[in-house]
Structures are given as C-alpha cells and as structure tokens.
Protein backbone atom coordinates (compact mmCIF):
# COMPACT_ATOMS: atom_id res chain seq x y z
CA MET A 1 -97.95 4.85 103.90
CA ASN A 2 -97.19 1.27 102.90
CA ILE A 3 -93.65 -0.08 102.91
CA HIS A 4 -93.04 -2.11 99.80
CA PRO A 5 -90.77 -5.16 99.85
CA PHE A 6 -87.32 -4.86 98.30
CA ARG A 7 -87.21 -6.38 94.83
CA VAL A 8 -83.82 -7.57 93.67
CA THR A 9 -84.36 -7.73 89.90
CA PRO A 10 -85.16 -4.04 89.34
CA PHE A 11 -82.29 -3.14 91.66
CA VAL A 12 -79.80 -5.25 89.69
CA PHE A 13 -80.91 -3.80 86.36
CA GLY A 14 -80.72 -0.30 87.83
CA VAL A 15 -77.14 -0.91 88.94
CA LEU A 16 -76.25 -2.31 85.50
CA PHE A 17 -77.80 0.74 83.86
CA LEU A 18 -75.74 3.01 86.10
CA LEU A 19 -72.57 1.09 85.20
CA VAL A 20 -73.28 1.46 81.48
CA ALA A 21 -74.02 5.16 81.89
CA ALA A 22 -70.84 5.67 83.95
CA GLY A 23 -68.77 3.84 81.32
CA TRP A 24 -70.23 5.90 78.50
CA THR A 25 -69.59 9.11 80.45
CA ALA A 26 -66.01 8.05 81.22
CA LEU A 27 -65.37 7.45 77.51
CA GLU A 28 -67.12 10.64 76.43
CA TYR A 29 -65.09 12.87 78.75
CA ASP A 30 -61.79 11.02 78.20
CA VAL A 31 -61.57 9.88 81.81
CA MET A 32 -60.79 6.33 80.67
CA THR A 33 -59.63 4.77 77.43
CA GLY A 34 -61.46 1.89 75.81
CA ALA A 35 -58.82 -0.56 77.04
CA GLN A 36 -59.16 0.69 80.62
CA LEU A 37 -62.94 0.45 80.42
CA ARG A 38 -62.74 -3.11 79.08
CA LEU A 39 -60.82 -3.97 82.22
CA ALA A 40 -62.91 -1.89 84.66
CA GLY A 41 -66.27 -3.25 83.45
CA PRO A 42 -65.70 -6.91 84.38
CA ILE A 43 -64.00 -5.90 87.63
CA ALA A 44 -67.06 -3.84 88.61
CA LEU A 45 -69.40 -6.74 87.77
CA ILE A 46 -67.29 -9.18 89.80
CA VAL A 47 -67.27 -6.83 92.81
CA ILE A 48 -71.04 -6.37 92.58
CA GLY A 49 -71.46 -10.14 92.32
CA LEU A 50 -69.33 -10.71 95.40
CA ILE A 51 -71.39 -8.16 97.31
CA GLY A 52 -74.53 -10.00 96.22
CA VAL A 53 -73.14 -13.34 97.40
CA ALA A 54 -72.11 -11.82 100.73
CA LEU A 55 -75.57 -10.35 101.20
CA THR A 56 -77.13 -13.71 100.37
CA PHE A 57 -75.25 -15.41 103.17
CA ARG A 58 -75.81 -12.70 105.75
CA ARG A 59 -77.86 -13.57 108.76
CA ARG A 60 -81.54 -12.74 108.48
CA THR A 61 -83.40 -11.57 111.53
C-alpha cells in the first residue's frame, strides 16, 4: 500500500465545506441566529488561519 503525500489545498477546501455545512445546520435547527453566525464564521476562519500559520512555522524533521 502506497502512502500518498498530504495535499493542503483539498484539505483546506474540505474544512471550508465543513464550516459551511455546520453553519447551515446551525441555522436550520435554530442553534444560532444569523447575527451569531455572522460573528462565528469569521472567528472560525481566523482560528483556522492561525493554526495554519503555526503549522507552517513548526519544525520539520
């Protein structure tokens, strides 16, 4: 079995898709209001971006 290299682009789009699906589900089931989701969306993207920056600077062995 071959181990394939990790590809960042499909991973990022997969995470974005999951965020959109989670937001839609939260609105559909009245877990969050539209105003709360408008605040939570950018916060989630900023946190994911910070994680990406931290992983970029991690030490590679």
